């Protein structure tokens, strides 16, 4: 055999190997779902379900990695996703704050906007609630009462979207909260003890005493089935139509076929019986909103957050 034939054969083998590597199908190695918060909350539970189904579907390891820190930024988990290769092996599971304001609050790693949504799958069941014997049974009645009486508001922190919406509603309705404070827990005891007159909390925390409280409004984009008579905040004030949601995100250059494989699993998981059981047990809204609709929603939410911010200046 001549040198030329030997070299030619070696080159052919090399090209074949290279071509095989180039068309290797995603996924072929472990995948990480980054949750920028501690384990145990709704977004963590549902993302773990998605990761489990991803592993079953594609036969590769898929795990949730919790990267908590910085409630109002700098979102260390999001920064990790932003800095990862755009290959679908590092997926972000983010609340509204990351894609809506992350690139607007001086976080260099997230500026300009780094992420595209694959889909939104969760709306946290935030509500404004008061005790059953409160002298008001609607937000309109609360607004009238608060114009001549001090009403103490309890919330989880000023940086949260539901808190800002609650305060912006007061501005638009022409009243001021008598006082407000952040609490680590906002549940039945908070109202029973009189620590706050009105609380901005999640429905799941007041489910044990739901028959003893009044849910005045839901800070969600559709009514919560467990309290169907409570209007959404958007029904009461269209300018505040926003919710605290969570979705899956990848960096902007991630290939379309990779996105489609992630979406195929996630969309099926969140509509599964076990995921919908979470919704029934907690009042959370669990669904799948596709990439295009999610992107449009984010654009609208950016405008709403900006509007709310100006109201609270």
C-alpha atoms as a PDB file:
ATOM      1  CA  UNK A   1       0.000   0.000   0.000  1.00  0.00           C
ATOM      2  CA  UNK A   2       1.385   3.392  -0.948  1.00  0.00           C
ATOM      3  CA  UNK A   3       1.941   6.283   1.455  1.00  0.00           C
ATOM      4  CA  UNK A   4      -0.663   8.231  -0.475  1.00  0.00           C
ATOM      5  CA  UNK A   5      -3.320   5.518   0.090  1.00  0.00           C
ATOM      6  CA  UNK A   6      -2.464   5.242   3.786  1.00  0.00           C
ATOM      7  CA  UNK A   7      -2.739   9.007   4.244  1.00  0.00           C
ATOM      8  CA  UNK A   8      -5.911   9.090   2.202  1.00  0.00           C
ATOM      9  CA  UNK A   9      -7.481   6.376   4.345  1.00  0.00           C
ATOM     10  CA  UNK A  10      -6.479   8.128   7.554  1.00  0.00           C
ATOM     11  CA  UNK A  11      -7.936  11.398   6.298  1.00  0.00           C
ATOM     12  CA  UNK A  12     -11.202   9.708   5.377  1.00  0.00           C
ATOM     13  CA  UNK A  13     -11.476   8.182   8.855  1.00  0.00           C
ATOM     14  CA  UNK A  14     -10.744  11.537  10.467  1.00  0.00           C
ATOM     15  CA  UNK A  15     -13.383  13.277   8.379  1.00  0.00           C
ATOM     16  CA  UNK A  16     -15.925  10.583   9.206  1.00  0.00           C
ATOM     17  CA  UNK A  17     -15.220  10.923  12.914  1.00  0.00           C
ATOM     18  CA  UNK A  18     -15.443  14.703  12.725  1.00  0.00           C
ATOM     19  CA  UNK A  19     -18.731  14.553  10.847  1.00  0.00           C
ATOM     20  CA  UNK A  20     -20.118  12.124  13.430  1.00  0.00           C
ATOM     21  CA  UNK A  21     -19.179  14.469  16.241  1.00  0.00           C
ATOM     22  CA  UNK A  22     -20.701  17.440  14.445  1.00  0.00           C
ATOM     23  CA  UNK A  23     -24.101  15.777  14.120  1.00  0.00           C
ATOM     24  CA  UNK A  24     -24.175  14.279  17.623  1.00  0.00           C
ATOM     25  CA  UNK A  25     -27.712  14.736  18.846  1.00  0.00           C
ATOM     26  CA  UNK A  26     -28.609  16.791  21.884  1.00  0.00           C
ATOM     27  CA  UNK A  27     -28.479  15.812  24.674  1.00  0.00           C
ATOM     28  CA  UNK A  28     -25.386  13.648  24.987  1.00  0.00           C
ATOM     29  CA  UNK A  29     -24.153  14.723  28.441  1.00  0.00           C
ATOM     30  CA  UNK A  30     -25.657  15.851  31.784  1.00  0.00           C
ATOM     31  CA  UNK A  31     -28.010  18.835  31.785  1.00  0.00           C
ATOM     32  CA  UNK A  32     -28.394  21.344  34.621  1.00  0.00           C
ATOM     33  CA  UNK A  33     -31.537  23.304  35.452  1.00  0.00           C
ATOM     34  CA  UNK A  34     -30.446  26.354  37.466  1.00  0.00           C
ATOM     35  CA  UNK A  35     -32.911  27.651  40.075  1.00  0.00           C
ATOM     36  CA  UNK A  36     -31.621  30.897  41.657  1.00  0.00           C
ATOM     37  CA  UNK A  37     -33.438  30.211  44.943  1.00  0.00           C
ATOM     38  CA  UNK A  38     -33.239  27.673  47.813  1.00  0.00           C
ATOM     39  CA  UNK A  39     -34.915  24.285  47.345  1.00  0.00           C
ATOM     40  CA  UNK A  40     -38.484  23.539  48.345  1.00  0.00           C
ATOM     41  CA  UNK A  41     -40.622  26.294  46.824  1.00  0.00           C
ATOM     42  CA  UNK A  42     -43.047  25.851  43.944  1.00  0.00           C
ATOM     43  CA  UNK A  43     -40.589  26.689  41.150  1.00  0.00           C
ATOM     44  CA  UNK A  44     -38.098  24.207  42.597  1.00  0.00           C
ATOM     45  CA  UNK A  45     -40.659  21.405  42.932  1.00  0.00           C
ATOM     46  CA  UNK A  46     -41.930  21.811  39.373  1.00  0.00           C
ATOM     47  CA  UNK A  47     -38.481  22.237  37.840  1.00  0.00           C
ATOM     48  CA  UNK A  48     -37.421  18.990  39.510  1.00  0.00           C
ATOM     49  CA  UNK A  49     -40.372  17.254  37.864  1.00  0.00           C
ATOM     50  CA  UNK A  50     -39.247  18.618  34.497  1.00  0.00           C
ATOM     51  CA  UNK A  51     -35.664  17.468  35.118  1.00  0.00           C
ATOM     52  CA  UNK A  52     -36.846  13.978  36.098  1.00  0.00           C
ATOM     53  CA  UNK A  53     -38.906  13.649  32.925  1.00  0.00           C
ATOM     54  CA  UNK A  54     -36.053  15.046  30.820  1.00  0.00           C
ATOM     55  CA  UNK A  55     -33.747  12.350  32.176  1.00  0.00           C
ATOM     56  CA  UNK A  56     -36.327   9.650  31.498  1.00  0.00           C
ATOM     57  CA  UNK A  57     -37.040  10.908  27.979  1.00  0.00           C
ATOM     58  CA  UNK A  58     -33.465  11.340  26.774  1.00  0.00           C
ATOM     59  CA  UNK A  59     -31.458   8.955  28.951  1.00  0.00           C
ATOM     60  CA  UNK A  60     -28.965  11.505  30.271  1.00  0.00           C
ATOM     61  CA  UNK A  61     -28.554  12.863  33.769  1.00  0.00           C
ATOM     62  CA  UNK A  62     -30.601  15.996  34.456  1.00  0.00           C
ATOM     63  CA  UNK A  63     -30.456  17.765  37.789  1.00  0.00           C
ATOM     64  CA  UNK A  64     -31.714  20.916  39.466  1.00  0.00           C
ATOM     65  CA  UNK A  65     -28.938  23.101  40.876  1.00  0.00           C
ATOM     66  CA  UNK A  66     -30.033  25.704  43.424  1.00  0.00           C
ATOM     67  CA  UNK A  67     -28.033  28.943  43.323  1.00  0.00           C
ATOM     68  CA  UNK A  68     -29.665  31.261  45.874  1.00  0.00           C
ATOM     69  CA  UNK A  69     -28.553  34.736  46.767  1.00  0.00           C
ATOM     70  CA  UNK A  70     -29.585  38.355  46.323  1.00  0.00           C
ATOM     71  CA  UNK A  71     -33.369  38.637  46.419  1.00  0.00           C
ATOM     72  CA  UNK A  72     -33.315  41.805  44.290  1.00  0.00           C
ATOM     73  CA  UNK A  73     -30.147  40.853  42.429  1.00  0.00           C
ATOM     74  CA  UNK A  74     -27.508  40.097  41.430  1.00  0.00           C
ATOM     75  CA  UNK A  75     -29.130  36.765  40.588  1.00  0.00           C
ATOM     76  CA  UNK A  76     -26.003  34.554  40.754  1.00  0.00           C
ATOM     77  CA  UNK A  77     -27.847  31.607  39.219  1.00  0.00           C
ATOM     78  CA  UNK A  78     -28.888  33.721  36.247  1.00  0.00           C
ATOM     79  CA  UNK A  79     -25.338  34.938  35.780  1.00  0.00           C
ATOM     80  CA  UNK A  80     -24.159  31.336  35.603  1.00  0.00           C
ATOM     81  CA  UNK A  81     -26.677  30.607  32.845  1.00  0.00           C
ATOM     82  CA  UNK A  82     -25.672  33.789  31.004  1.00  0.00           C
ATOM     83  CA  UNK A  83     -22.003  32.769  31.070  1.00  0.00           C
ATOM     84  CA  UNK A  84     -22.594  29.156  30.018  1.00  0.00           C
ATOM     85  CA  UNK A  85     -22.243  27.988  26.391  1.00  0.00           C
ATOM     86  CA  UNK A  86     -25.416  28.383  24.314  1.00  0.00           C
ATOM     87  CA  UNK A  87     -25.846  24.637  23.908  1.00  0.00           C
ATOM     88  CA  UNK A  88     -28.841  23.790  26.090  1.00  0.00           C
ATOM     89  CA  UNK A  89     -26.856  22.072  28.817  1.00  0.00           C
ATOM     90  CA  UNK A  90     -27.441  24.906  31.285  1.00  0.00           C
ATOM     91  CA  UNK A  91     -31.099  25.951  31.519  1.00  0.00           C
ATOM     92  CA  UNK A  92     -32.453  28.707  33.739  1.00  0.00           C
ATOM     93  CA  UNK A  93     -35.647  28.392  35.759  1.00  0.00           C
ATOM     94  CA  UNK A  94     -36.333  32.068  36.479  1.00  0.00           C
ATOM     95  CA  UNK A  95     -38.919  34.265  38.149  1.00  0.00           C
ATOM     96  CA  UNK A  96     -40.151  37.399  36.419  1.00  0.00           C
ATOM     97  CA  UNK A  97     -37.421  39.608  37.906  1.00  0.00           C
ATOM     98  CA  UNK A  98     -34.551  37.988  36.010  1.00  0.00           C
ATOM     99  CA  UNK A  99     -35.680  38.584  32.409  1.00  0.00           C
ATOM    100  CA  UNK A 100     -37.738  41.701  33.136  1.00  0.00           C
ATOM    101  CA  UNK A 101     -35.333  43.778  35.236  1.00  0.00           C
ATOM    102  CA  UNK A 102     -32.093  41.797  35.489  1.00  0.00           C
ATOM    103  CA  UNK A 103     -30.512  43.634  32.577  1.00  0.00           C
ATOM    104  CA  UNK A 104     -31.802  47.025  33.770  1.00  0.00           C
ATOM    105  CA  UNK A 105     -30.351  47.254  37.280  1.00  0.00           C
ATOM    106  CA  UNK A 106     -26.654  47.449  36.594  1.00  0.00           C
ATOM    107  CA  UNK A 107     -25.767  43.749  36.376  1.00  0.00           C
ATOM    108  CA  UNK A 108     -23.079  43.762  33.691  1.00  0.00           C
ATOM    109  CA  UNK A 109     -23.256  39.999  33.101  1.00  0.00           C
ATOM    110  CA  UNK A 110     -26.942  40.263  32.203  1.00  0.00           C
ATOM    111  CA  UNK A 111     -26.647  43.382  30.029  1.00  0.00           C
ATOM    112  CA  UNK A 112     -27.883  43.566  27.356  1.00  0.00           C
ATOM    113  CA  UNK A 113     -30.700  41.039  27.833  1.00  0.00           C
ATOM    114  CA  UNK A 114     -29.157  37.563  27.585  1.00  0.00           C
ATOM    115  CA  UNK A 115     -32.091  35.169  27.662  1.00  0.00           C
ATOM    116  CA  UNK A 116     -34.913  33.866  25.508  1.00  0.00           C
ATOM    117  CA  UNK A 117     -37.928  32.169  27.090  1.00  0.00           C
ATOM    118  CA  UNK A 118     -38.717  28.574  26.276  1.00  0.00           C
ATOM    119  CA  UNK A 119     -41.992  28.951  28.110  1.00  0.00           C
ATOM    120  CA  UNK A 120     -43.637  30.094  31.334  1.00  0.00           C
ATOM    121  CA  UNK A 121     -45.133  27.384  33.520  1.00  0.00           C
ATOM    122  CA  UNK A 122     -46.080  28.786  36.930  1.00  0.00           C
ATOM    123  CA  UNK A 123     -47.905  31.738  38.445  1.00  0.00           C
ATOM    124  CA  UNK A 124     -47.433  32.025  42.183  1.00  0.00           C
ATOM    125  CA  UNK A 125     -50.786  32.341  43.992  1.00  0.00           C
ATOM    126  CA  UNK A 126     -50.202  35.761  45.553  1.00  0.00           C
ATOM    127  CA  UNK A 127     -53.240  37.348  47.130  1.00  0.00           C
ATOM    128  CA  UNK A 128     -54.175  40.344  49.258  1.00  0.00           C
ATOM    129  CA  UNK A 129     -56.080  39.045  52.270  1.00  0.00           C
ATOM    130  CA  UNK A 130     -57.528  40.292  55.538  1.00  0.00           C
ATOM    131  CA  UNK A 131     -59.247  38.806  58.584  1.00  0.00           C
ATOM    132  CA  UNK A 132     -62.832  37.658  58.320  1.00  0.00           C
ATOM    133  CA  UNK A 133     -64.075  40.368  60.664  1.00  0.00           C
ATOM    134  CA  UNK A 134     -62.366  43.262  58.867  1.00  0.00           C
ATOM    135  CA  UNK A 135     -64.733  46.181  58.102  1.00  0.00           C
ATOM    136  CA  UNK A 136     -64.110  45.820  54.362  1.00  0.00           C
ATOM    137  CA  UNK A 137     -64.716  42.954  51.949  1.00  0.00           C
ATOM    138  CA  UNK A 138     -63.284  44.278  48.704  1.00  0.00           C
ATOM    139  CA  UNK A 139     -60.358  46.393  47.559  1.00  0.00           C
ATOM    140  CA  UNK A 140     -62.748  49.280  46.861  1.00  0.00           C
ATOM    141  CA  UNK A 141     -64.092  49.110  50.410  1.00  0.00           C
ATOM    142  CA  UNK A 142     -60.550  48.822  51.764  1.00  0.00           C
ATOM    143  CA  UNK A 143     -59.549  51.947  49.824  1.00  0.00           C
ATOM    144  CA  UNK A 144     -62.447  53.947  51.310  1.00  0.00           C
ATOM    145  CA  UNK A 145     -61.745  52.693  54.833  1.00  0.00           C
ATOM    146  CA  UNK A 146     -58.010  53.421  54.585  1.00  0.00           C
ATOM    147  CA  UNK A 147     -58.640  57.052  53.639  1.00  0.00           C
ATOM    148  CA  UNK A 148     -59.677  57.743  57.228  1.00  0.00           C
ATOM    149  CA  UNK A 149     -58.141  54.821  59.145  1.00  0.00           C
ATOM    150  CA  UNK A 150     -54.637  53.428  59.504  1.00  0.00           C
ATOM    151  CA  UNK A 151     -54.292  50.035  57.831  1.00  0.00           C
ATOM    152  CA  UNK A 152     -51.065  48.060  58.376  1.00  0.00           C
ATOM    153  CA  UNK A 153     -49.773  46.077  55.410  1.00  0.00           C
ATOM    154  CA  UNK A 154     -47.594  42.978  55.735  1.00  0.00           C
ATOM    155  CA  UNK A 155     -45.539  41.755  52.781  1.00  0.00           C
ATOM    156  CA  UNK A 156     -42.438  39.711  51.922  1.00  0.00           C
ATOM    157  CA  UNK A 157     -40.267  42.655  50.857  1.00  0.00           C
ATOM    158  CA  UNK A 158     -40.381  45.758  48.708  1.00  0.00           C
ATOM    159  CA  UNK A 159     -38.460  44.210  45.807  1.00  0.00           C
ATOM    160  CA  UNK A 160     -41.133  41.621  45.062  1.00  0.00           C
ATOM    161  CA  UNK A 161     -43.500  42.373  42.202  1.00  0.00           C
ATOM    162  CA  UNK A 162     -46.659  41.608  44.264  1.00  0.00           C
ATOM    163  CA  UNK A 163     -45.555  44.068  46.966  1.00  0.00           C
ATOM    164  CA  UNK A 164     -44.924  46.813  44.447  1.00  0.00           C
ATOM    165  CA  UNK A 165     -48.282  46.161  42.794  1.00  0.00           C
ATOM    166  CA  UNK A 166     -50.029  46.294  46.185  1.00  0.00           C
ATOM    167  CA  UNK A 167     -48.469  49.682  46.936  1.00  0.00           C
ATOM    168  CA  UNK A 168     -49.143  50.979  43.422  1.00  0.00           C
ATOM    169  CA  UNK A 169     -52.809  50.028  43.767  1.00  0.00           C
ATOM    170  CA  UNK A 170     -53.027  52.274  46.833  1.00  0.00           C
ATOM    171  CA  UNK A 171     -51.560  55.174  44.868  1.00  0.00           C
ATOM    172  CA  UNK A 172     -54.058  54.755  42.037  1.00  0.00           C
ATOM    173  CA  UNK A 173     -56.955  54.251  44.471  1.00  0.00           C
ATOM    174  CA  UNK A 174     -56.096  57.414  46.377  1.00  0.00           C
ATOM    175  CA  UNK A 175     -55.071  56.079  49.792  1.00  0.00           C
ATOM    176  CA  UNK A 176     -51.917  55.399  51.783  1.00  0.00           C
ATOM    177  CA  UNK A 177     -51.056  52.395  53.897  1.00  0.00           C
ATOM    178  CA  UNK A 178     -50.865  53.441  57.528  1.00  0.00           C
ATOM    179  CA  UNK A 179     -47.688  51.371  57.845  1.00  0.00           C
ATOM    180  CA  UNK A 180     -46.028  48.489  56.117  1.00  0.00           C
ATOM    181  CA  UNK A 181     -43.422  45.902  57.075  1.00  0.00           C
ATOM    182  CA  UNK A 182     -41.675  42.885  55.633  1.00  0.00           C
ATOM    183  CA  UNK A 183     -42.291  39.549  57.358  1.00  0.00           C
ATOM    184  CA  UNK A 184     -40.537  36.191  57.125  1.00  0.00           C
ATOM    185  CA  UNK A 185     -43.913  34.476  57.402  1.00  0.00           C
ATOM    186  CA  UNK A 186     -47.347  35.770  56.444  1.00  0.00           C
ATOM    187  CA  UNK A 187     -49.989  33.277  57.438  1.00  0.00           C
ATOM    188  CA  UNK A 188     -53.103  32.785  59.554  1.00  0.00           C
ATOM    189  CA  UNK A 189     -51.236  33.776  62.725  1.00  0.00           C
ATOM    190  CA  UNK A 190     -50.162  37.118  61.227  1.00  0.00           C
ATOM    191  CA  UNK A 191     -53.762  38.188  60.845  1.00  0.00           C
ATOM    192  CA  UNK A 192     -55.017  36.546  64.043  1.00  0.00           C
ATOM    193  CA  UNK A 193     -52.343  38.292  66.117  1.00  0.00           C
ATOM    194  CA  UNK A 194     -53.049  41.677  64.592  1.00  0.00           C
ATOM    195  CA  UNK A 195     -49.439  42.083  63.453  1.00  0.00           C
ATOM    196  CA  UNK A 196     -50.856  43.282  60.127  1.00  0.00           C
ATOM    197  CA  UNK A 197     -54.361  44.229  59.048  1.00  0.00           C
ATOM    198  CA  UNK A 198     -53.837  43.220  55.429  1.00  0.00           C
ATOM    199  CA  UNK A 199     -51.275  40.769  54.120  1.00  0.00           C
ATOM    200  CA  UNK A 200     -49.784  40.260  50.683  1.00  0.00           C
ATOM    201  CA  UNK A 201     -49.006  36.552  50.778  1.00  0.00           C
ATOM    202  CA  UNK A 202     -49.406  33.306  48.868  1.00  0.00           C
ATOM    203  CA  UNK A 203     -52.712  31.492  49.087  1.00  0.00           C
ATOM    204  CA  UNK A 204     -51.051  28.274  50.221  1.00  0.00           C
ATOM    205  CA  UNK A 205     -49.963  29.947  53.476  1.00  0.00           C
ATOM    206  CA  UNK A 206     -53.523  30.842  54.465  1.00  0.00           C
ATOM    207  CA  UNK A 207     -55.284  27.709  53.229  1.00  0.00           C
ATOM    208  CA  UNK A 208     -55.588  26.327  56.792  1.00  0.00           C
ATOM    209  CA  UNK A 209     -57.759  29.311  57.779  1.00  0.00           C
ATOM    210  CA  UNK A 210     -59.329  30.141  54.432  1.00  0.00           C
ATOM    211  CA  UNK A 211     -62.810  30.079  55.952  1.00  0.00           C
ATOM    212  CA  UNK A 212     -61.727  32.714  58.492  1.00  0.00           C
ATOM    213  CA  UNK A 213     -60.174  35.263  56.119  1.00  0.00           C
ATOM    214  CA  UNK A 214     -61.258  37.390  53.203  1.00  0.00           C
ATOM    215  CA  UNK A 215     -59.277  37.224  49.969  1.00  0.00           C
ATOM    216  CA  UNK A 216     -59.723  40.681  48.476  1.00  0.00           C
ATOM    217  CA  UNK A 217     -57.836  40.161  45.207  1.00  0.00           C
ATOM    218  CA  UNK A 218     -55.409  37.810  43.501  1.00  0.00           C
ATOM    219  CA  UNK A 219     -52.168  39.258  42.133  1.00  0.00           C
ATOM    220  CA  UNK A 220     -52.294  36.820  39.250  1.00  0.00           C
ATOM    221  CA  UNK A 221     -53.242  37.123  35.596  1.00  0.00           C
ATOM    222  CA  UNK A 222     -56.235  34.807  35.926  1.00  0.00           C
ATOM    223  CA  UNK A 223     -58.456  33.928  38.859  1.00  0.00           C
ATOM    224  CA  UNK A 224     -57.292  31.270  41.284  1.00  0.00           C
ATOM    225  CA  UNK A 225     -59.655  28.251  41.187  1.00  0.00           C
ATOM    226  CA  UNK A 226     -59.530  27.802  44.977  1.00  0.00           C
ATOM    227  CA  UNK A 227     -60.887  31.356  45.458  1.00  0.00           C
ATOM    228  CA  UNK A 228     -62.847  31.947  42.253  1.00  0.00           C
ATOM    229  CA  UNK A 229     -64.784  34.924  43.617  1.00  0.00           C
ATOM    230  CA  UNK A 230     -61.623  36.959  44.225  1.00  0.00           C
ATOM    231  CA  UNK A 231     -60.969  39.219  41.229  1.00  0.00           C
ATOM    232  CA  UNK A 232     -57.487  39.558  39.799  1.00  0.00           C
ATOM    233  CA  UNK A 233     -55.646  42.813  40.347  1.00  0.00           C
ATOM    234  CA  UNK A 234     -55.874  43.436  36.597  1.00  0.00           C
ATOM    235  CA  UNK A 235     -59.667  43.265  36.759  1.00  0.00           C
ATOM    236  CA  UNK A 236     -59.604  46.032  39.361  1.00  0.00           C
ATOM    237  CA  UNK A 237     -56.876  48.141  37.749  1.00  0.00           C
ATOM    238  CA  UNK A 238     -55.819  47.246  34.218  1.00  0.00           C
ATOM    239  CA  UNK A 239     -52.612  49.265  34.538  1.00  0.00           C
ATOM    240  CA  UNK A 240     -51.395  46.797  37.212  1.00  0.00           C
ATOM    241  CA  UNK A 241     -52.130  43.589  35.313  1.00  0.00           C
ATOM    242  CA  UNK A 242     -49.040  41.581  36.228  1.00  0.00           C
ATOM    243  CA  UNK A 243     -48.149  38.454  38.206  1.00  0.00           C
ATOM    244  CA  UNK A 244     -45.161  36.753  39.796  1.00  0.00           C
ATOM    245  CA  UNK A 245     -44.386  33.896  37.418  1.00  0.00           C
ATOM    246  CA  UNK A 246     -41.608  31.410  36.671  1.00  0.00           C
ATOM    247  CA  UNK A 247     -40.380  30.046  33.354  1.00  0.00           C
ATOM    248  CA  UNK A 248     -37.563  28.220  31.577  1.00  0.00           C
ATOM    249  CA  UNK A 249     -34.895  30.260  29.772  1.00  0.00           C
ATOM    250  CA  UNK A 250     -31.807  29.669  27.630  1.00  0.00           C
ATOM    251  CA  UNK A 251     -29.188  32.033  26.285  1.00  0.00           C
ATOM    252  CA  UNK A 252     -30.071  33.730  23.026  1.00  0.00           C
ATOM    253  CA  UNK A 253     -27.817  31.733  20.647  1.00  0.00           C
ATOM    254  CA  UNK A 254     -29.133  28.328  21.725  1.00  0.00           C
ATOM    255  CA  UNK A 255     -30.074  26.290  18.585  1.00  0.00           C
ATOM    256  CA  UNK A 256     -33.754  25.889  17.732  1.00  0.00           C
ATOM    257  CA  UNK A 257     -33.673  22.078  17.716  1.00  0.00           C
ATOM    258  CA  UNK A 258     -32.199  22.076  21.224  1.00  0.00           C
ATOM    259  CA  UNK A 259     -34.909  24.423  22.442  1.00  0.00           C
ATOM    260  CA  UNK A 260     -37.590  22.211  20.928  1.00  0.00           C
ATOM    261  CA  UNK A 261     -36.374  19.149  22.809  1.00  0.00           C
ATOM    262  CA  UNK A 262     -36.446  20.955  26.147  1.00  0.00           C
ATOM    263  CA  UNK A 263     -39.860  22.428  25.429  1.00  0.00           C
ATOM    264  CA  UNK A 264     -41.308  19.058  24.420  1.00  0.00           C
ATOM    265  CA  UNK A 265     -40.576  17.606  27.844  1.00  0.00           C
ATOM    266  CA  UNK A 266     -41.418  20.674  29.937  1.00  0.00           C
ATOM    267  CA  UNK A 267     -44.776  21.303  28.267  1.00  0.00           C
ATOM    268  CA  UNK A 268     -45.809  17.710  28.876  1.00  0.00           C
ATOM    269  CA  UNK A 269     -44.553  17.645  32.466  1.00  0.00           C
ATOM    270  CA  UNK A 270     -46.410  20.711  33.718  1.00  0.00           C
ATOM    271  CA  UNK A 271     -49.701  19.415  32.360  1.00  0.00           C
ATOM    272  CA  UNK A 272     -49.169  16.006  33.949  1.00  0.00           C
ATOM    273  CA  UNK A 273     -51.347  14.736  36.775  1.00  0.00           C
ATOM    274  CA  UNK A 274     -48.628  15.130  39.408  1.00  0.00           C
ATOM    275  CA  UNK A 275     -47.853  18.721  38.389  1.00  0.00           C
ATOM    276  CA  UNK A 276     -51.523  19.678  38.325  1.00  0.00           C
ATOM    277  CA  UNK A 277     -51.864  18.143  41.792  1.00  0.00           C
ATOM    278  CA  UNK A 278     -49.445  20.835  43.010  1.00  0.00           C
ATOM    279  CA  UNK A 279     -51.786  23.449  41.568  1.00  0.00           C
ATOM    280  CA  UNK A 280     -54.808  21.969  43.329  1.00  0.00           C
ATOM    281  CA  UNK A 281     -53.001  21.703  46.653  1.00  0.00           C
ATOM    282  CA  UNK A 282     -51.488  25.192  46.697  1.00  0.00           C
ATOM    283  CA  UNK A 283     -53.646  27.430  44.530  1.00  0.00           C
ATOM    284  CA  UNK A 284     -50.727  27.949  42.135  1.00  0.00           C
ATOM    285  CA  UNK A 285     -51.511  28.261  38.439  1.00  0.00           C
ATOM    286  CA  UNK A 286     -49.552  25.575  36.579  1.00  0.00           C
ATOM    287  CA  UNK A 287     -49.695  25.628  32.773  1.00  0.00           C
ATOM    288  CA  UNK A 288     -47.514  25.970  29.689  1.00  0.00           C
ATOM    289  CA  UNK A 289     -47.244  29.283  27.844  1.00  0.00           C
ATOM    290  CA  UNK A 290     -45.126  28.863  24.720  1.00  0.00           C
ATOM    291  CA  UNK A 291     -42.035  30.816  23.758  1.00  0.00           C
ATOM    292  CA  UNK A 292     -43.673  33.443  21.527  1.00  0.00           C
ATOM    293  CA  UNK A 293     -46.471  34.216  23.980  1.00  0.00           C
ATOM    294  CA  UNK A 294     -43.980  34.242  26.850  1.00  0.00           C
ATOM    295  CA  UNK A 295     -41.774  36.750  25.005  1.00  0.00           C
ATOM    296  CA  UNK A 296     -44.796  39.001  24.387  1.00  0.00           C
ATOM    297  CA  UNK A 297     -45.762  38.719  28.029  1.00  0.00           C
ATOM    298  CA  UNK A 298     -42.271  39.747  29.129  1.00  0.00           C
ATOM    299  CA  UNK A 299     -42.379  42.801  26.872  1.00  0.00           C
ATOM    300  CA  UNK A 300     -45.705  43.840  28.407  1.00  0.00           C
ATOM    301  CA  UNK A 301     -44.436  43.167  31.924  1.00  0.00           C
ATOM    302  CA  UNK A 302     -41.398  45.386  31.331  1.00  0.00           C
ATOM    303  CA  UNK A 303     -43.782  48.235  30.518  1.00  0.00           C
ATOM    304  CA  UNK A 304     -45.916  47.484  33.580  1.00  0.00           C
ATOM    305  CA  UNK A 305     -42.918  47.307  35.930  1.00  0.00           C
ATOM    306  CA  UNK A 306     -41.724  50.637  34.562  1.00  0.00           C
ATOM    307  CA  UNK A 307     -45.162  52.153  35.132  1.00  0.00           C
ATOM    308  CA  UNK A 308     -45.328  50.801  38.680  1.00  0.00           C
ATOM    309  CA  UNK A 309     -41.850  52.093  39.423  1.00  0.00           C
ATOM    310  CA  UNK A 310     -42.810  55.611  38.370  1.00  0.00           C
ATOM    311  CA  UNK A 311     -45.926  55.492  40.555  1.00  0.00           C
ATOM    312  CA  UNK A 312     -43.820  54.601  43.585  1.00  0.00           C
ATOM    313  CA  UNK A 313     -41.078  57.201  43.051  1.00  0.00           C
END
